[in-house]
Amino acid sequence: MDRGVSIIEARIRPAADGWRLDRALADAAPTLSRERLKVLINAGQVSRDGLTVRDPAKRTGAGEVFAVTVPLPTLPHNEAQAIDFGVAFEDDHLIVVDKPAGLVVHPAAGNLDGTLVNALLHHCGGSLSGIGGVARPGIVHRIDKDTSGLMVAAKTDRAHEGLARQFADHSIDRRYLAITRGKPNPAAGKVDAPLARSPVDRKKVAIVAGGKRAVTHYRTLQPLTGGALVECRLETGRTHQVRVHMASLGHPLIGDPVYGGAHPAATRIAFRRQALHAARLGFKHPITGETQVFTSEMPADMQELFRALDA
């Protein structure tokens, strides 16, 4: 046998007769999460009687035996690096991070190290979930480099799968504090506009018919001189969602270099990022089932911008 894999023999229990393959295998091989098994099935790593099975939705029969080939963990090419970040909560299953602005979440072209993943590998000592792959272990969602605030990372496959399910069904409570150019009118409302890569500029996200559904609920917390402090609650979580939706109302985030957030106050105090902070994160703990809610104060640079506009 290849030293780089292990093979698990999974026998379908009578109680699992007629179940989907991924569900039945998760029942028969409890060390593997259902999400991990879906990946393995789609990759051709599951067989029965020597024949590869590639359909996670295939119905199973009691007593059937499947061979699941599991690649042994690949050592991340990411380097563990001692990088400062805030920790709002941590247990054996997950970690809630309070990310500073300027820190990229996971390695990509142009940012191969110095990322939150590098920091987590150092902090967690290699206990991160492998579902996210070598490049982004433990990462369930992300926030932009120049957005600060709360995000959660998984340490185990079960936690990763449970959190991913909540993000997929939009049951996560995510609220951002934003400082906009100008005052939204009406002061509160909902933007329901689909988002996709801009057909004009692929570096931007735009409202595009046929794009992914995106919904942002906003309310003005405090009007300011030439701006406003706004809370944005995400019903969905798309790339640049708050930035594009608020810009579509004619009120881009101050400091946003991509979507038109230039403002004299930002220039005066050298505020050089979009004024956006992930201030609240709530979810059900994927293992204990307990409701978890975390909050983060607006960071010093946004507080300084707030004071400059409140003068």
Protein backbone atom coordinates (compact mmCIF):
# COMPACT_ATOMS: atom_id res chain seq x y z
CA MET A 1 0.00 0.00 0.00
CA ASP A 2 1.10 3.54 -0.76
CA ARG A 3 2.68 4.96 2.39
CA GLY A 4 0.97 8.27 1.56
CA VAL A 5 -2.57 6.97 2.11
CA SER A 6 -4.63 4.94 4.54
CA ILE A 7 -7.61 2.80 3.53
CA ILE A 8 -10.71 2.59 5.68
CA GLU A 9 -13.18 -0.25 5.16
CA ALA A 10 -16.67 1.07 5.77
CA ARG A 11 -19.62 -1.34 6.09
CA ILE A 12 -23.10 0.18 5.78
CA ARG A 13 -25.24 -0.49 8.83
CA PRO A 14 -28.84 -1.78 8.44
CA ALA A 15 -30.11 1.50 9.89
CA ALA A 16 -28.38 3.36 7.03
CA ASP A 17 -30.07 1.34 4.26
CA GLY A 18 -31.16 3.73 1.48
CA TRP A 19 -29.14 6.68 2.79
CA ARG A 20 -27.00 8.88 0.58
CA LEU A 21 -23.48 7.52 0.23
CA ASP A 22 -21.78 10.47 1.94
CA ARG A 23 -24.17 10.27 4.91
CA ALA A 24 -23.91 6.48 5.20
CA LEU A 25 -20.11 6.57 5.06
CA ALA A 26 -19.99 9.28 7.74
CA ASP A 27 -22.08 6.94 9.90
CA ALA A 28 -19.83 3.94 9.14
CA ALA A 29 -16.54 5.84 9.44
CA PRO A 30 -17.09 8.40 12.22
CA THR A 31 -13.48 9.61 12.13
CA LEU A 32 -14.28 11.32 8.81
CA SER A 33 -16.73 14.18 8.49
CA ARG A 34 -19.45 14.12 5.84
CA GLU A 35 -17.90 17.14 4.13
CA ARG A 36 -14.51 15.41 3.97
CA LEU A 37 -16.16 12.29 2.54
CA LYS A 38 -17.87 14.33 -0.18
CA VAL A 39 -14.48 15.61 -1.24
CA LEU A 40 -13.02 12.10 -1.25
CA ILE A 41 -15.95 10.67 -3.23
CA ASN A 42 -15.72 13.41 -5.85
CA ALA A 43 -11.96 12.82 -6.07
CA GLY A 44 -12.46 9.14 -6.88
CA GLN A 45 -11.16 7.90 -3.54
CA VAL A 46 -14.15 5.67 -2.71
CA SER A 47 -14.77 2.26 -4.30
CA ARG A 48 -16.96 -0.81 -3.95
CA ASP A 49 -15.83 -4.21 -5.23
CA GLY A 50 -12.93 -2.49 -6.96
CA LEU A 51 -15.16 -0.02 -8.86
CA THR A 52 -14.84 3.69 -8.17
CA VAL A 53 -17.97 5.46 -6.93
CA ARG A 54 -18.10 9.20 -7.61
CA ASP A 55 -21.65 10.18 -6.68
CA PRO A 56 -22.11 11.38 -3.06
CA ALA A 57 -25.90 11.11 -3.54
CA LYS A 58 -25.83 7.41 -4.56
CA ARG A 59 -28.18 5.37 -2.38
CA THR A 60 -26.57 2.64 -0.31
CA GLY A 61 -27.69 -0.79 0.79
CA ALA A 62 -27.30 -2.41 4.18
CA GLY A 63 -24.18 -4.57 4.38
CA GLU A 64 -22.42 -2.97 1.41
CA VAL A 65 -18.70 -2.48 1.99
CA PHE A 66 -16.83 0.51 0.61
CA ALA A 67 -13.11 1.21 0.60
CA VAL A 68 -12.28 4.83 1.42
CA THR A 69 -8.76 5.90 0.46
CA VAL A 70 -7.67 8.76 2.68
CA PRO A 71 -4.50 10.68 1.77
CA LEU A 72 -2.35 11.20 4.83
CA PRO A 73 -2.13 14.83 5.95
CA THR A 74 0.15 16.93 3.81
CA LEU A 75 2.44 19.20 5.73
CA PRO A 76 1.42 22.77 4.90
CA HIS A 77 3.86 24.65 2.74
CA ASN A 78 2.83 27.63 4.82
CA GLU A 79 5.37 28.60 7.44
CA ALA A 80 4.22 29.03 11.01
CA GLN A 81 4.96 32.65 11.87
CA ALA A 82 4.65 34.62 15.09
CA ILE A 83 2.24 37.37 14.02
CA ASP A 84 0.12 39.33 16.48
CA PHE A 85 -3.66 39.02 16.33
CA GLY A 86 -6.43 39.21 18.90
CA VAL A 87 -8.16 36.11 20.27
CA ALA A 88 -11.77 36.59 21.36
CA PHE A 89 -12.35 32.91 22.15
CA GLU A 90 -10.60 29.57 21.79
CA ASP A 91 -11.28 25.93 22.68
CA ASP A 92 -10.29 22.53 21.30
CA HIS A 93 -12.61 22.91 18.31
CA LEU A 94 -12.36 26.47 17.04
CA ILE A 95 -10.81 29.90 17.51
CA VAL A 96 -12.46 33.31 17.12
CA VAL A 97 -9.92 35.84 15.89
CA ASP A 98 -10.03 39.63 16.16
CA LYS A 99 -8.09 40.42 12.99
CA PRO A 100 -6.20 43.70 12.68
CA ALA A 101 -6.54 45.71 9.48
CA GLY A 102 -3.74 45.02 7.00
CA LEU A 103 -3.49 41.29 7.72
CA VAL A 104 -4.32 39.04 4.75
CA VAL A 105 -6.35 35.98 5.74
CA HIS A 106 -4.76 33.24 3.63
CA PRO A 107 -1.81 32.91 1.25
CA ALA A 108 -2.35 33.84 -2.39
CA ALA A 109 -0.38 35.34 -5.24
CA GLY A 110 1.46 38.36 -3.89
CA ASN A 111 0.95 37.31 -0.25
CA LEU A 112 2.63 33.95 0.18
CA ASP A 113 3.37 34.48 3.87
CA GLY A 114 2.71 36.94 6.65
CA THR A 115 -0.98 35.94 6.62
CA LEU A 116 -3.48 34.99 9.29
CA VAL A 117 -3.02 31.34 8.28
CA ASN A 118 0.70 31.63 9.04
CA ALA A 119 -0.18 33.19 12.39
CA LEU A 120 -2.73 30.48 13.19
CA LEU A 121 -0.28 27.70 12.33
CA HIS A 122 2.11 29.20 14.89
CA HIS A 123 -0.56 29.85 17.51
CA CYS A 124 -2.47 26.56 17.17
CA GLY A 125 0.54 24.31 16.65
CA GLY A 126 -0.85 22.48 13.64
CA SER A 127 -4.25 21.61 15.11
CA LEU A 128 -6.21 23.35 12.35
CA SER A 129 -8.83 21.52 10.28
CA GLY A 130 -7.57 20.06 7.02
CA ILE A 131 -10.81 20.52 5.05
CA GLY A 132 -9.77 23.99 3.93
CA GLY A 133 -6.76 22.49 2.15
CA VAL A 134 -3.06 23.15 2.41
CA ALA A 135 -3.32 26.84 1.53
CA ARG A 136 -6.11 27.74 3.94
CA PRO A 137 -6.33 25.25 6.82
CA GLY A 138 -9.14 25.98 9.23
CA ILE A 139 -10.53 28.90 7.25
CA VAL A 140 -14.33 28.83 7.05
CA HIS A 141 -14.82 32.40 5.81
CA ARG A 142 -12.69 35.47 5.41
CA ILE A 143 -12.71 39.23 5.62
CA ASP A 144 -10.76 41.62 3.40
CA LYS A 145 -7.15 42.49 4.16
CA ASP A 146 -8.01 46.07 5.09
CA THR A 147 -11.14 45.20 7.05
CA SER A 148 -10.65 44.61 10.77
CA GLY A 149 -12.61 42.49 13.18
CA LEU A 150 -14.02 39.10 14.05
CA MET A 151 -13.78 35.83 12.15
CA VAL A 152 -13.81 32.17 13.15
CA ALA A 153 -11.45 29.36 12.15
CA ALA A 154 -11.96 25.63 12.73
CA LYS A 155 -9.49 23.33 14.46
CA THR A 156 -11.26 20.06 13.64
CA ASP A 157 -13.10 18.65 10.63
CA ARG A 158 -16.34 18.36 12.62
CA ALA A 159 -16.16 22.00 13.63
CA HIS A 160 -15.28 23.01 10.07
CA GLU A 161 -18.24 21.14 8.64
CA GLY A 162 -20.66 22.49 11.27
CA LEU A 163 -19.57 26.08 10.80
CA ALA A 164 -19.57 25.78 7.00
CA ARG A 165 -23.17 24.54 7.16
CA GLN A 166 -24.21 27.60 9.17
CA PHE A 167 -22.51 29.95 6.73
CA ALA A 168 -24.21 28.15 3.83
CA ASP A 169 -27.69 28.46 5.35
CA HIS A 170 -27.05 32.10 6.36
CA SER A 171 -27.72 31.49 10.06
CA ILE A 172 -24.51 33.24 11.18
CA ASP A 173 -25.03 36.64 12.84
CA ARG A 174 -22.52 39.01 11.21
CA ARG A 175 -22.66 42.75 11.81
CA TYR A 176 -20.20 45.35 10.62
CA LEU A 177 -19.57 48.94 11.63
CA ALA A 178 -19.00 51.18 8.62
CA ILE A 179 -18.37 54.90 8.28
CA THR A 180 -19.92 56.11 5.05
CA ARG A 181 -19.41 59.16 2.92
CA GLY A 182 -22.64 61.09 3.34
CA LYS A 183 -25.76 60.04 5.23
CA PRO A 184 -27.90 57.19 3.86
CA ASN A 185 -31.44 58.21 3.02
CA PRO A 186 -33.52 56.47 4.21
CA ALA A 187 -31.51 56.07 7.38
CA ALA A 188 -32.23 52.33 7.48
CA GLY A 189 -33.12 49.79 4.84
CA LYS A 190 -32.18 46.72 2.87
CA VAL A 191 -30.08 46.27 -0.25
CA ASP A 192 -30.99 43.12 -2.16
CA ALA A 193 -28.77 43.14 -5.24
CA PRO A 194 -26.85 40.23 -6.83
CA LEU A 195 -23.07 40.43 -6.95
CA ALA A 196 -20.44 39.05 -9.33
CA ARG A 197 -17.06 40.02 -10.73
CA SER A 198 -17.36 43.22 -12.71
CA PRO A 199 -17.44 42.53 -16.47
CA VAL A 200 -15.52 45.79 -16.93
CA ASP A 201 -12.85 45.44 -14.24
CA ARG A 202 -12.17 41.93 -12.94
CA LYS A 203 -10.52 43.34 -9.81
CA LYS A 204 -13.88 44.76 -8.74
CA VAL A 205 -17.18 43.26 -7.66
CA ALA A 206 -20.33 44.76 -9.13
CA ILE A 207 -24.10 44.42 -9.05
CA VAL A 208 -24.70 42.06 -11.96
CA ALA A 209 -27.95 40.47 -13.10
CA GLY A 210 -27.54 36.74 -12.68
CA GLY A 211 -24.89 37.14 -9.98
CA LYS A 212 -25.07 35.52 -6.56
CA ARG A 213 -27.87 36.79 -4.35
CA ALA A 214 -26.57 39.30 -1.83
CA VAL A 215 -28.58 41.00 0.93
CA THR A 216 -27.37 43.69 3.35
CA HIS A 217 -29.52 45.26 6.07
CA TYR A 218 -28.26 48.64 7.21
CA ARG A 219 -29.19 51.21 9.82
CA THR A 220 -27.65 54.55 10.69
CA LEU A 221 -26.31 54.60 14.23
CA GLN A 222 -25.11 58.20 14.22
CA PRO A 223 -25.11 60.96 11.59
CA LEU A 224 -21.75 62.73 11.28
CA THR A 225 -20.43 65.79 9.49
CA GLY A 226 -20.18 64.62 5.91
CA GLY A 227 -20.77 61.01 6.83
CA ALA A 228 -22.46 58.51 9.12
CA LEU A 229 -21.70 55.58 11.38
CA VAL A 230 -23.74 52.69 9.98
CA GLU A 231 -24.35 49.13 11.14
CA CYS A 232 -24.54 46.59 8.31
CA ARG A 233 -26.01 43.17 9.03
CA LEU A 234 -25.23 40.51 6.45
CA GLU A 235 -27.97 38.15 5.37
CA THR A 236 -25.51 36.70 2.87
CA GLY A 237 -21.73 36.96 2.81
CA ARG A 238 -20.32 37.80 -0.61
CA THR A 239 -16.92 39.25 -1.50
CA HIS A 240 -16.93 43.05 -0.97
CA GLN A 241 -20.66 42.89 -0.20
CA VAL A 242 -20.93 45.79 2.24
CA ARG A 243 -18.54 47.93 0.19
CA VAL A 244 -20.44 47.47 -3.07
CA HIS A 245 -23.92 47.70 -1.59
CA MET A 246 -23.24 50.92 0.30
CA ALA A 247 -21.54 52.41 -2.76
CA SER A 248 -24.64 51.51 -4.78
CA LEU A 249 -26.66 53.78 -2.47
CA GLY A 250 -24.28 56.63 -3.24
CA HIS A 251 -22.60 56.29 0.16
CA PRO A 252 -19.34 54.35 -0.21
CA LEU A 253 -17.22 53.59 2.82
CA ILE A 254 -14.79 56.37 3.63
CA GLY A 255 -11.26 55.44 2.68
CA ASP A 256 -12.31 52.73 0.20
CA PRO A 257 -9.84 53.09 -2.70
CA VAL A 258 -11.79 50.74 -4.99
CA TYR A 259 -15.37 51.93 -4.69
CA GLY A 260 -14.94 55.67 -4.38
CA GLY A 261 -14.69 56.48 -0.70
CA ALA A 262 -12.37 59.50 -0.87
CA HIS A 263 -13.08 62.07 1.87
CA PRO A 264 -11.19 65.18 3.09
CA ALA A 265 -11.32 63.99 6.69
CA ALA A 266 -9.63 60.69 5.78
CA THR A 267 -6.91 62.58 3.93
CA ARG A 268 -6.40 64.95 6.84
CA ILE A 269 -5.77 62.17 9.38
CA ALA A 270 -4.07 59.81 6.88
CA PHE A 271 -6.80 57.16 7.13
CA ARG A 272 -5.86 54.77 4.31
CA ARG A 273 -8.33 51.86 4.32
CA GLN A 274 -12.04 51.27 3.97
CA ALA A 275 -13.76 52.20 7.22
CA LEU A 276 -15.18 48.76 7.90
CA HIS A 277 -14.99 46.64 11.05
CA ALA A 278 -16.52 43.20 11.74
CA ALA A 279 -17.96 44.08 15.14
CA ARG A 280 -20.26 41.17 15.96
CA LEU A 281 -20.13 37.45 15.21
CA GLY A 282 -22.71 34.99 16.46
CA PHE A 283 -23.17 31.28 15.74
CA LYS A 284 -24.08 27.97 17.34
CA HIS A 285 -21.02 26.13 18.55
CA PRO A 286 -20.76 23.23 16.08
CA ILE A 287 -19.92 20.72 18.82
CA THR A 288 -21.75 21.86 21.95
CA GLY A 289 -24.72 23.50 20.22
CA GLU A 290 -24.46 26.53 22.52
CA THR A 291 -25.14 29.97 21.07
CA GLN A 292 -21.94 32.00 20.96
CA VAL A 293 -21.90 35.78 20.45
CA PHE A 294 -18.73 37.86 20.27
CA THR A 295 -18.27 41.60 19.90
CA SER A 296 -15.28 43.78 19.08
CA GLU A 297 -14.85 47.49 19.67
CA MET A 298 -14.16 49.79 16.75
CA PRO A 299 -10.36 49.98 16.35
CA ALA A 300 -8.33 53.10 17.10
CA ASP A 301 -7.98 54.30 13.49
CA MET A 302 -11.73 54.19 12.89
CA GLN A 303 -12.35 55.88 16.23
CA GLU A 304 -10.03 58.68 15.15
CA LEU A 305 -11.95 59.01 11.85
CA PHE A 306 -15.23 59.04 13.78
CA ARG A 307 -13.97 61.86 16.01
CA ALA A 308 -12.74 63.84 12.99
CA LEU A 309 -16.23 63.67 11.46
CA ASP A 310 -18.02 64.28 14.74
CA ALA A 311 -16.14 67.52 15.41
